[in-house]
């Protein structure tokens, strides 16, 4: 899979961790942007949507669950991978019920995260193909 075909927004209030993620993913050829909180992340999405958002669950202000709700409301085809340093089955379940693609624990293995990102992009491609097929079918039926 060609990573440069998609873009990822990372949202995390731990700025050192965020900067490390951005550098390491950028070195792997992924188009990345970063935000230090949920509000900033939503503003970046409004300016230019992202295929995938990697989102910290616990942040001051708008937390990851609130941001996930807003992402799925405004950009339903954007896939979201939740990250947390705090194991919580309830938060994981809530995130998955709200439409998160997956849930990973910090400290996250970069290769595992990259695999999840590529997997999430694969799901987006399948969804786009289905939408195109539906549109073509609808057009033929006119």
Foldseek 3Di string as FASTA:
>chain_A
DQQCVFAEEEEALPVVLQVVLVVVVVVVVHHYDYYNHLVVSVVVCVVPNGQEYEAEQDDPDQGPLNSLLVCCVPPVNRAYEYEYQDDDPVSQVSSVVSPHQYYYYPVDDSVVVVVSVVVSVVVSVVVVVVVVVVVVVVVVVD
